[in-house]
Amino acid sequence: METSLLKGKKILLALSGSIAIYKSIAIMQLFKKMGASVRVVMTKEAQKFINPLLFEALSGFEVLHKNSESWALQNNNHISFARWADIMLIAPATANTISKLCYGMADNLLLSTALAFEGKRIIAPAANTAMYYAKPIQEALHILQQRGDLLIPPISKELACKIKDIGALETPEEIVSQSARVILKEDFWDNRTVIITGGGSQEQIDSVRFLSNFSSGKMAQNLALALYLKGADVHLIISQYAPYTLLHTIAIPKAITIHKVHNAYSYQECIHALICSHAKGTKMPYLFMAAAISDYRPESIYAGKLKKEDMGDEFHLKLIKNDDILGSIDKEKICTIGFKLEEKNALENAKKALYAKKLDAICLNTLQSNPLGTDENEICFITTKDIYTFTKSSKFTQSMQIIQQAALLKKGLS
């Protein structure tokens, strides 16, 4: 799934003359790893930094530039390129290119192609800070966004002029994830608030110790990415957040809001706050409860660090039960999907939880086939009417299958 996420999708990568063009090599490689076809159009100034031959070798297509445009075979000119692509990504986009795009100028092949292209354009600027913030460029970017272009703003970094400030081209991973979202967005998930919990809760014992479990949070992070790519407004509630590379290519995109929590109580408080703040939206929010919340917590938290000399040969820790977070949620205005890890009588116990907690669905996985912390999973998606079993695959693949079934729960209703 990972290598075919963008299979059949066609991306036109447009390169203007900036030293940031070196990042475009990584952008192309990431798109290729995700299964997309990529063609390149370059300005004469862009060729001063990188020879078109490099992009031809990486893409498998002839690069469109001033000396290669041909009308003989009708497949290597600005009109054919514009008709071919699903999206057009201009990265890097210089101040000169941005200004000319705004006013519909077409004095080079990049601009001619952009003018002929009728799909979604994505603009990723790279410029000196003063040039980027210059009033004409800011006005041009504002106009382009009003017309429907997506802007991926530059980041703060040491620039070619040795000043550290805003102006550097965004990272290839972030550019690719935002571009992929444009391609994969679905109306059902677009602008829908989704809350995802992940990781294992941490119940404090003293100032340096806590009770927890082996939950890695990987399933939650993969769910978050999958839902982001489908257009959702994603909130990830997670403990011990340590981003890792998803899809073997990209990490968690910046637009996903991370809420770092610790114990069961902080999970509960964050969930309730988010539900309250988003319950009145035009689309019903979703909650994916993938976190492994501790059933019990220490009755008392010890101040400072417990010393073994004081604890003796035996140390008895009194535990009290945590609240049932899923059971306490008002589910009238939210679609709730639980996760359950079982060892024995798995299906029976999952169905009991589904009805007892009044969930819309529950994702069951077993300890025997899905040890905690792995990169793969095998899930049964259970509703009150059906059971869908997903064969063992990567957690991202499982996530895409889960959200496909999750959408069917409320399609046509909200």
Protein backbone atom coordinates (compact mmCIF):
# COMPACT_ATOMS: atom_id res chain seq x y z
CA MET A 1 0.00 0.00 0.00
CA GLU A 2 2.75 2.42 0.93
CA THR A 3 4.49 2.14 -2.42
CA SER A 4 1.20 2.41 -4.30
CA LEU A 5 -0.49 5.17 -2.30
CA LEU A 6 -0.17 7.56 -5.25
CA LYS A 7 -0.16 4.88 -7.95
CA GLY A 8 -1.66 6.23 -11.16
CA LYS A 9 -1.36 9.83 -9.96
CA LYS A 10 0.47 12.31 -12.17
CA ILE A 11 2.47 15.16 -10.67
CA LEU A 12 4.02 18.04 -12.57
CA LEU A 13 7.02 19.39 -10.66
CA ALA A 14 7.90 22.92 -11.75
CA LEU A 15 11.34 24.28 -10.87
CA SER A 16 12.36 27.92 -10.89
CA GLY A 17 15.86 29.31 -10.34
CA SER A 18 16.72 29.02 -6.64
CA ILE A 19 19.52 27.39 -4.69
CA ALA A 20 16.74 25.49 -2.87
CA ILE A 21 16.30 23.39 -6.00
CA TYR A 22 18.46 20.69 -4.41
CA LYS A 23 15.43 19.79 -2.24
CA SER A 24 13.43 19.11 -5.40
CA ILE A 25 15.50 15.96 -5.95
CA ALA A 26 14.24 14.55 -2.64
CA ILE A 27 10.69 15.70 -3.44
CA MET A 28 10.73 13.74 -6.68
CA GLN A 29 12.18 10.65 -5.01
CA LEU A 30 9.50 10.70 -2.30
CA PHE A 31 6.72 10.95 -4.89
CA LYS A 32 8.25 8.07 -6.82
CA LYS A 33 8.46 5.93 -3.67
CA MET A 34 4.74 6.51 -3.18
CA GLY A 35 4.00 5.26 -6.70
CA ALA A 36 3.37 8.55 -8.52
CA SER A 37 4.51 9.49 -12.01
CA VAL A 38 6.46 12.76 -12.02
CA ARG A 39 7.30 15.06 -14.90
CA VAL A 40 9.46 18.16 -14.63
CA VAL A 41 9.41 21.59 -16.23
CA MET A 42 12.40 23.88 -15.62
CA THR A 43 13.14 27.53 -16.27
CA LYS A 44 16.42 28.58 -17.86
CA GLU A 45 17.50 29.95 -14.45
CA ALA A 46 16.76 26.60 -12.76
CA GLN A 47 19.12 24.84 -15.18
CA LYS A 48 21.99 26.98 -13.86
CA PHE A 49 21.74 25.04 -10.59
CA ILE A 50 20.98 21.48 -11.79
CA ASN A 51 21.28 19.86 -15.21
CA PRO A 52 17.91 18.55 -16.52
CA LEU A 53 19.59 15.20 -17.18
CA LEU A 54 19.48 14.41 -13.45
CA PHE A 55 15.69 14.80 -13.30
CA GLU A 56 15.29 12.80 -16.50
CA ALA A 57 17.25 9.94 -14.97
CA LEU A 58 15.17 10.03 -11.77
CA SER A 59 11.76 10.50 -13.36
CA GLY A 60 12.08 8.41 -16.52
CA PHE A 61 10.58 11.31 -18.53
CA GLU A 62 12.14 13.97 -20.69
CA VAL A 63 12.30 17.31 -18.87
CA LEU A 64 10.45 20.22 -20.45
CA HIS A 65 12.68 23.26 -20.87
CA LYS A 66 13.45 25.88 -23.50
CA ASN A 67 15.64 23.62 -25.62
CA SER A 68 13.54 20.46 -25.34
CA GLU A 69 10.02 21.68 -26.13
CA SER A 70 8.65 19.88 -29.16
CA TRP A 71 5.35 19.98 -31.02
CA ALA A 72 6.19 17.19 -33.43
CA LEU A 73 4.92 14.33 -31.25
CA GLN A 74 2.55 16.50 -29.19
CA ASN A 75 3.87 15.15 -25.86
CA ASN A 76 6.70 17.45 -24.76
CA ASN A 77 5.27 20.93 -24.74
CA HIS A 78 3.58 23.12 -22.17
CA ILE A 79 0.05 22.25 -23.34
CA SER A 80 0.58 18.48 -23.22
CA PHE A 81 2.24 18.74 -19.80
CA ALA A 82 -0.62 20.87 -18.46
CA ARG A 83 -3.22 18.38 -19.72
CA TRP A 84 -1.29 15.38 -18.38
CA ALA A 85 -0.95 16.34 -14.70
CA ASP A 86 -3.31 15.87 -11.76
CA ILE A 87 -1.55 18.56 -9.72
CA MET A 88 1.15 21.11 -10.42
CA LEU A 89 3.73 21.71 -7.69
CA ILE A 90 6.00 24.72 -8.06
CA ALA A 91 8.90 24.05 -5.69
CA PRO A 92 10.96 26.13 -5.41
CA ALA A 93 8.90 29.14 -6.45
CA THR A 94 11.02 32.28 -6.57
CA ALA A 95 9.74 35.80 -5.92
CA ASN A 96 9.98 36.46 -9.66
CA THR A 97 7.88 33.40 -10.49
CA ILE A 98 5.27 34.23 -7.82
CA SER A 99 4.87 37.78 -9.10
CA LYS A 100 4.49 36.67 -12.72
CA LEU A 101 2.03 33.88 -11.78
CA CYS A 102 -0.18 36.47 -10.12
CA TYR A 103 -0.42 38.60 -13.23
CA GLY A 104 -0.76 35.75 -15.72
CA MET A 105 2.56 36.32 -17.44
CA ALA A 106 3.92 33.54 -19.64
CA ASP A 107 7.45 34.50 -20.68
CA ASN A 108 8.96 31.08 -19.89
CA LEU A 109 7.81 27.47 -20.13
CA LEU A 110 7.04 27.12 -16.42
CA LEU A 111 4.70 30.10 -16.53
CA SER A 112 3.14 29.01 -19.85
CA THR A 113 2.46 25.57 -18.39
CA ALA A 114 1.03 27.07 -15.19
CA LEU A 115 -1.29 29.29 -17.21
CA ALA A 116 -2.54 26.33 -19.27
CA PHE A 117 -2.94 24.04 -16.24
CA GLU A 118 -6.54 23.81 -15.01
CA GLY A 119 -6.07 21.65 -11.92
CA LYS A 120 -4.87 22.37 -8.38
CA ARG A 121 -1.61 24.34 -8.18
CA ILE A 122 0.64 24.20 -5.13
CA ILE A 123 3.20 26.94 -4.56
CA ALA A 124 6.20 26.45 -2.26
CA PRO A 125 8.23 29.70 -2.13
CA ALA A 126 11.96 30.01 -1.49
CA ALA A 127 13.42 33.51 -1.22
CA ASN A 128 15.49 35.91 0.81
CA THR A 129 13.48 37.05 3.84
CA ALA A 130 13.17 40.66 2.68
CA MET A 131 12.08 39.55 -0.78
CA TYR A 132 9.52 37.10 0.59
CA TYR A 133 7.97 39.70 2.90
CA ALA A 134 8.07 42.45 0.27
CA LYS A 135 4.58 43.91 -0.09
CA PRO A 136 4.17 43.04 -3.82
CA ILE A 137 5.05 39.39 -3.17
CA GLN A 138 2.74 39.10 -0.16
CA GLU A 139 -0.06 40.68 -2.16
CA ALA A 140 0.62 38.29 -5.05
CA LEU A 141 0.52 35.26 -2.74
CA HIS A 142 -2.74 36.48 -1.23
CA ILE A 143 -4.31 36.85 -4.67
CA LEU A 144 -3.08 33.41 -5.78
CA GLN A 145 -4.57 31.79 -2.67
CA GLN A 146 -7.88 33.56 -3.26
CA ARG A 147 -7.89 32.04 -6.74
CA GLY A 148 -7.49 28.57 -5.27
CA ASP A 149 -3.74 27.94 -5.21
CA LEU A 150 -2.37 26.19 -2.11
CA LEU A 151 0.55 27.96 -0.43
CA ILE A 152 3.18 25.96 1.47
CA PRO A 153 4.96 28.75 3.37
CA PRO A 154 8.76 28.80 3.69
CA ILE A 155 10.47 27.97 6.97
CA SER A 156 13.09 29.65 9.14
CA LYS A 157 16.61 28.45 8.44
CA GLU A 158 20.03 29.84 7.57
CA LEU A 159 19.63 31.18 4.07
CA ALA A 160 22.19 31.52 1.28
CA CYS A 161 22.77 35.11 2.42
CA LYS A 162 23.87 33.68 5.85
CA ILE A 163 20.88 35.19 7.66
CA LYS A 164 18.72 32.83 9.71
CA ASP A 165 15.10 33.78 9.06
CA ILE A 166 11.96 32.88 7.11
CA GLY A 167 12.55 32.12 3.44
CA ALA A 168 13.89 28.57 3.13
CA LEU A 169 11.91 26.04 1.12
CA GLU A 170 9.81 23.77 3.36
CA THR A 171 11.15 20.24 3.92
CA PRO A 172 10.56 17.71 1.12
CA GLU A 173 8.59 15.47 3.51
CA GLU A 174 6.15 18.23 4.44
CA ILE A 175 5.75 19.37 0.82
CA VAL A 176 5.03 15.81 -0.31
CA SER A 177 2.52 15.15 2.50
CA GLN A 178 0.61 18.36 1.75
CA SER A 179 0.62 17.59 -1.96
CA ALA A 180 -0.55 14.02 -1.37
CA ARG A 181 -3.40 15.39 0.78
CA VAL A 182 -4.58 17.50 -2.17
CA ILE A 183 -4.71 14.39 -4.36
CA LEU A 184 -6.23 11.97 -1.82
CA LYS A 185 -8.73 14.25 -0.07
CA GLU A 186 -12.29 12.90 0.19
CA ASP A 187 -15.45 14.95 0.72
CA PHE A 188 -16.56 12.84 3.68
CA TRP A 189 -13.40 13.50 5.72
CA ASP A 190 -12.62 16.99 4.40
CA ASN A 191 -12.70 19.47 7.33
CA ARG A 192 -14.14 16.84 9.67
CA THR A 193 -12.66 16.92 13.17
CA VAL A 194 -11.08 13.61 14.15
CA ILE A 195 -9.67 12.86 17.61
CA ILE A 196 -7.20 10.00 17.93
CA THR A 197 -5.67 8.71 21.15
CA GLY A 198 -2.46 6.67 21.18
CA GLY A 199 0.37 5.34 23.29
CA GLY A 200 0.21 4.01 26.83
CA SER A 201 -0.87 6.13 29.76
CA GLN A 202 1.66 6.79 32.52
CA GLU A 203 0.41 6.51 36.09
CA GLN A 204 2.89 8.24 38.38
CA ILE A 205 4.36 6.41 41.38
CA ASP A 206 6.90 8.99 42.52
CA SER A 207 8.87 11.82 40.90
CA VAL A 208 10.84 9.47 38.63
CA ARG A 209 8.71 6.32 38.19
CA PHE A 210 5.36 5.45 36.63
CA LEU A 211 3.21 2.45 35.67
CA SER A 212 2.69 2.00 31.94
CA ASN A 213 2.63 -0.61 29.15
CA PHE A 214 4.38 -1.42 25.88
CA SER A 215 2.01 0.49 23.59
CA SER A 216 4.16 2.43 21.08
CA GLY A 217 1.57 4.79 19.64
CA LYS A 218 2.45 3.67 16.10
CA MET A 219 -1.12 2.67 15.24
CA ALA A 220 -2.39 6.08 16.35
CA GLN A 221 0.26 7.92 14.32
CA ASN A 222 -0.57 5.90 11.21
CA LEU A 223 -4.28 6.59 11.71
CA ALA A 224 -3.49 10.28 12.10
CA LEU A 225 -1.54 10.37 8.84
CA ALA A 226 -4.18 8.39 6.93
CA LEU A 227 -6.97 10.69 8.10
CA TYR A 228 -4.88 13.81 7.39
CA LEU A 229 -4.30 12.61 3.82
CA LYS A 230 -8.06 12.17 3.43
CA GLY A 231 -8.61 15.78 4.46
CA ALA A 232 -9.58 15.53 8.13
CA ASP A 233 -8.74 18.08 10.84
CA VAL A 234 -6.74 15.70 13.04
CA HIS A 235 -6.02 15.94 16.78
CA LEU A 236 -3.60 13.31 18.10
CA ILE A 237 -3.65 12.79 21.87
CA ILE A 238 -0.59 10.77 22.81
CA SER A 239 1.92 10.05 25.57
CA GLN A 240 5.68 9.76 25.03
CA TYR A 241 5.33 11.24 21.56
CA ALA A 242 8.35 10.22 19.52
CA PRO A 243 7.69 10.76 15.79
CA TYR A 244 8.95 8.02 13.54
CA THR A 245 9.02 7.76 9.76
CA LEU A 246 5.68 6.65 8.34
CA LEU A 247 5.26 5.13 4.88
CA HIS A 248 9.08 4.76 4.95
CA THR A 249 9.11 8.31 3.61
CA ILE A 250 7.37 10.96 5.73
CA ALA A 251 6.62 11.81 9.34
CA ILE A 252 3.59 13.40 11.01
CA PRO A 253 2.59 16.52 8.99
CA LYS A 254 2.59 19.89 10.73
CA ALA A 255 -1.17 20.36 10.34
CA ILE A 256 -1.86 17.48 12.74
CA THR A 257 -2.33 18.93 16.21
CA ILE A 258 -0.37 16.98 18.83
CA HIS A 259 -1.68 16.96 22.41
CA LYS A 260 0.91 15.48 24.78
CA VAL A 261 -0.62 13.82 27.84
CA HIS A 262 0.48 11.42 30.57
CA ASN A 263 -1.98 9.68 32.86
CA ALA A 264 -5.54 8.46 32.28
CA TYR A 265 -6.98 11.62 33.80
CA SER A 266 -5.11 13.89 31.35
CA TYR A 267 -6.28 11.74 28.43
CA GLN A 268 -9.84 12.05 29.68
CA GLU A 269 -9.66 15.80 30.19
CA CYS A 270 -8.18 16.39 26.73
CA ILE A 271 -10.76 14.17 25.01
CA HIS A 272 -13.69 15.86 26.73
CA ALA A 273 -12.32 19.34 25.96
CA LEU A 274 -11.89 18.55 22.27
CA ILE A 275 -15.34 16.97 21.99
CA CYS A 276 -16.96 20.00 23.62
CA SER A 277 -15.13 22.45 21.37
CA HIS A 278 -15.91 20.60 18.13
CA ALA A 279 -19.34 19.06 18.78
CA LYS A 280 -21.15 21.99 17.11
CA GLY A 281 -19.36 21.70 13.78
CA THR A 282 -21.19 21.08 10.52
CA LYS A 283 -19.82 17.53 10.38
CA MET A 284 -20.05 14.96 13.16
CA PRO A 285 -16.59 14.47 14.75
CA TYR A 286 -14.96 11.04 15.10
CA LEU A 287 -13.04 9.57 18.02
CA PHE A 288 -10.57 6.71 17.46
CA MET A 289 -9.61 5.41 20.91
CA ALA A 290 -6.36 3.58 20.10
CA ALA A 291 -4.53 4.43 23.34
CA ALA A 292 -3.76 1.75 25.93
CA ILE A 293 -5.14 3.45 29.04
CA SER A 294 -4.19 1.96 32.40
CA ASP A 295 -7.07 0.34 34.26
CA TYR A 296 -5.52 1.25 37.60
CA ARG A 297 -3.35 3.98 39.13
CA PRO A 298 -1.43 4.27 42.40
CA GLU A 299 -3.65 5.52 45.21
CA SER A 300 -0.92 7.92 46.37
CA ILE A 301 1.94 9.63 44.55
CA TYR A 302 5.14 9.78 46.57
CA ALA A 303 6.99 13.09 46.71
CA GLY A 304 10.57 12.87 45.48
CA LYS A 305 12.29 9.59 44.64
CA LEU A 306 11.53 6.43 46.58
CA LYS A 307 14.73 4.89 47.98
CA LYS A 308 15.08 1.13 48.13
CA GLU A 309 16.61 1.46 51.58
CA ASP A 310 13.31 2.91 52.78
CA MET A 311 11.16 0.48 50.80
CA GLY A 312 12.72 -2.70 52.22
CA ASP A 313 12.75 -6.17 50.72
CA GLU A 314 9.09 -5.94 49.73
CA PHE A 315 7.17 -2.95 48.49
CA HIS A 316 3.39 -2.99 48.21
CA LEU A 317 1.79 -0.48 45.89
CA LYS A 318 -1.93 0.08 46.42
CA LEU A 319 -3.82 0.69 43.18
CA ILE A 320 -7.24 2.17 42.56
CA LYS A 321 -9.38 1.91 39.45
CA ASN A 322 -9.32 4.61 36.76
CA ASP A 323 -12.51 5.96 35.21
CA ASP A 324 -13.82 4.20 32.10
CA ILE A 325 -13.11 6.98 29.59
CA LEU A 326 -15.03 5.45 26.67
CA GLY A 327 -17.95 4.65 28.94
CA SER A 328 -18.13 8.22 30.22
CA ILE A 329 -18.27 9.95 26.82
CA ASP A 330 -21.57 11.37 25.58
CA LYS A 331 -21.77 9.64 22.20
CA GLU A 332 -24.86 11.38 20.87
CA LYS A 333 -22.89 13.85 18.75
CA ILE A 334 -19.70 11.90 18.01
CA CYS A 335 -18.87 8.67 16.19
CA THR A 336 -16.77 6.56 18.55
CA ILE A 337 -14.49 3.69 17.54
CA GLY A 338 -12.71 1.72 20.24
CA PHE A 339 -9.63 -0.51 20.07
CA LYS A 340 -9.30 -3.71 22.04
CA LEU A 341 -6.31 -6.01 22.51
CA GLU A 342 -7.31 -9.50 23.65
CA GLU A 343 -5.64 -12.82 24.37
CA LYS A 344 -8.50 -15.26 25.09
CA ASN A 345 -12.14 -15.23 23.95
CA ALA A 346 -11.17 -12.24 21.82
CA LEU A 347 -14.26 -11.88 19.63
CA GLU A 348 -16.67 -12.47 22.49
CA ASN A 349 -14.95 -9.88 24.70
CA ALA A 350 -14.78 -7.34 21.88
CA LYS A 351 -18.50 -7.65 21.19
CA LYS A 352 -19.25 -7.24 24.89
CA ALA A 353 -17.23 -4.01 24.96
CA LEU A 354 -18.93 -2.78 21.77
CA TYR A 355 -22.38 -3.02 23.35
CA ALA A 356 -21.47 -2.18 26.94
CA LYS A 357 -19.71 1.05 25.96
CA LYS A 358 -22.28 1.86 23.22
CA LEU A 359 -19.61 2.23 20.52
CA ASP A 360 -20.22 2.61 16.81
CA ALA A 361 -17.43 0.11 16.10
CA ILE A 362 -14.50 -1.60 17.75
CA CYS A 363 -11.14 -2.66 16.29
CA LEU A 364 -9.99 -5.99 17.68
CA ASN A 365 -6.46 -7.32 17.57
CA THR A 366 -4.99 -10.24 19.49
CA LEU A 367 -1.78 -10.41 21.46
CA GLN A 368 -0.75 -13.65 19.76
CA SER A 369 -0.72 -12.21 16.23
CA ASN A 370 -0.05 -8.54 17.04
CA PRO A 371 2.63 -7.97 19.69
CA LEU A 372 2.78 -4.37 20.93
CA GLY A 373 5.31 -2.08 19.26
CA THR A 374 5.46 -3.82 15.87
CA ASP A 375 4.99 -2.10 12.49
CA GLU A 376 2.28 -4.52 11.34
CA ASN A 377 -1.21 -5.36 12.53
CA GLU A 378 -4.14 -7.68 11.84
CA ILE A 379 -7.45 -6.12 12.81
CA CYS A 380 -11.10 -7.14 12.92
CA PHE A 381 -13.40 -4.14 12.46
CA ILE A 382 -16.58 -4.99 14.35
CA THR A 383 -19.92 -3.19 14.25
CA THR A 384 -23.32 -4.22 15.59
CA LYS A 385 -24.12 -5.66 12.15
CA ASP A 386 -20.88 -6.86 10.56
CA ILE A 387 -17.31 -8.07 11.09
CA TYR A 388 -14.58 -7.13 8.63
CA THR A 389 -11.24 -8.88 8.91
CA PHE A 390 -8.18 -7.17 7.45
CA THR A 391 -5.29 -9.47 6.59
CA LYS A 392 -1.99 -8.75 8.30
CA SER A 393 -0.23 -5.75 6.78
CA SER A 394 1.47 -2.50 7.73
CA LYS A 395 -0.27 -0.30 10.28
CA PHE A 396 -0.74 2.36 7.63
CA THR A 397 -2.53 -0.10 5.34
CA GLN A 398 -4.68 -1.18 8.29
CA SER A 399 -5.41 2.48 9.03
CA MET A 400 -6.63 3.15 5.50
CA GLN A 401 -8.92 0.12 5.70
CA ILE A 402 -10.24 1.18 9.11
CA ILE A 403 -11.14 4.69 8.01
CA GLN A 404 -12.82 3.36 4.88
CA GLN A 405 -15.15 1.27 7.05
CA ALA A 406 -15.47 4.07 9.61
CA ALA A 407 -16.77 6.45 6.94
CA LEU A 408 -19.54 3.99 6.05
CA LEU A 409 -20.88 4.20 9.62
CA LYS A 410 -22.14 7.75 9.12
CA LYS A 411 -22.19 8.29 5.36
CA GLY A 412 -25.37 10.00 4.30
CA LEU A 413 -26.12 11.07 7.86
CA SER A 414 -23.61 13.88 8.49
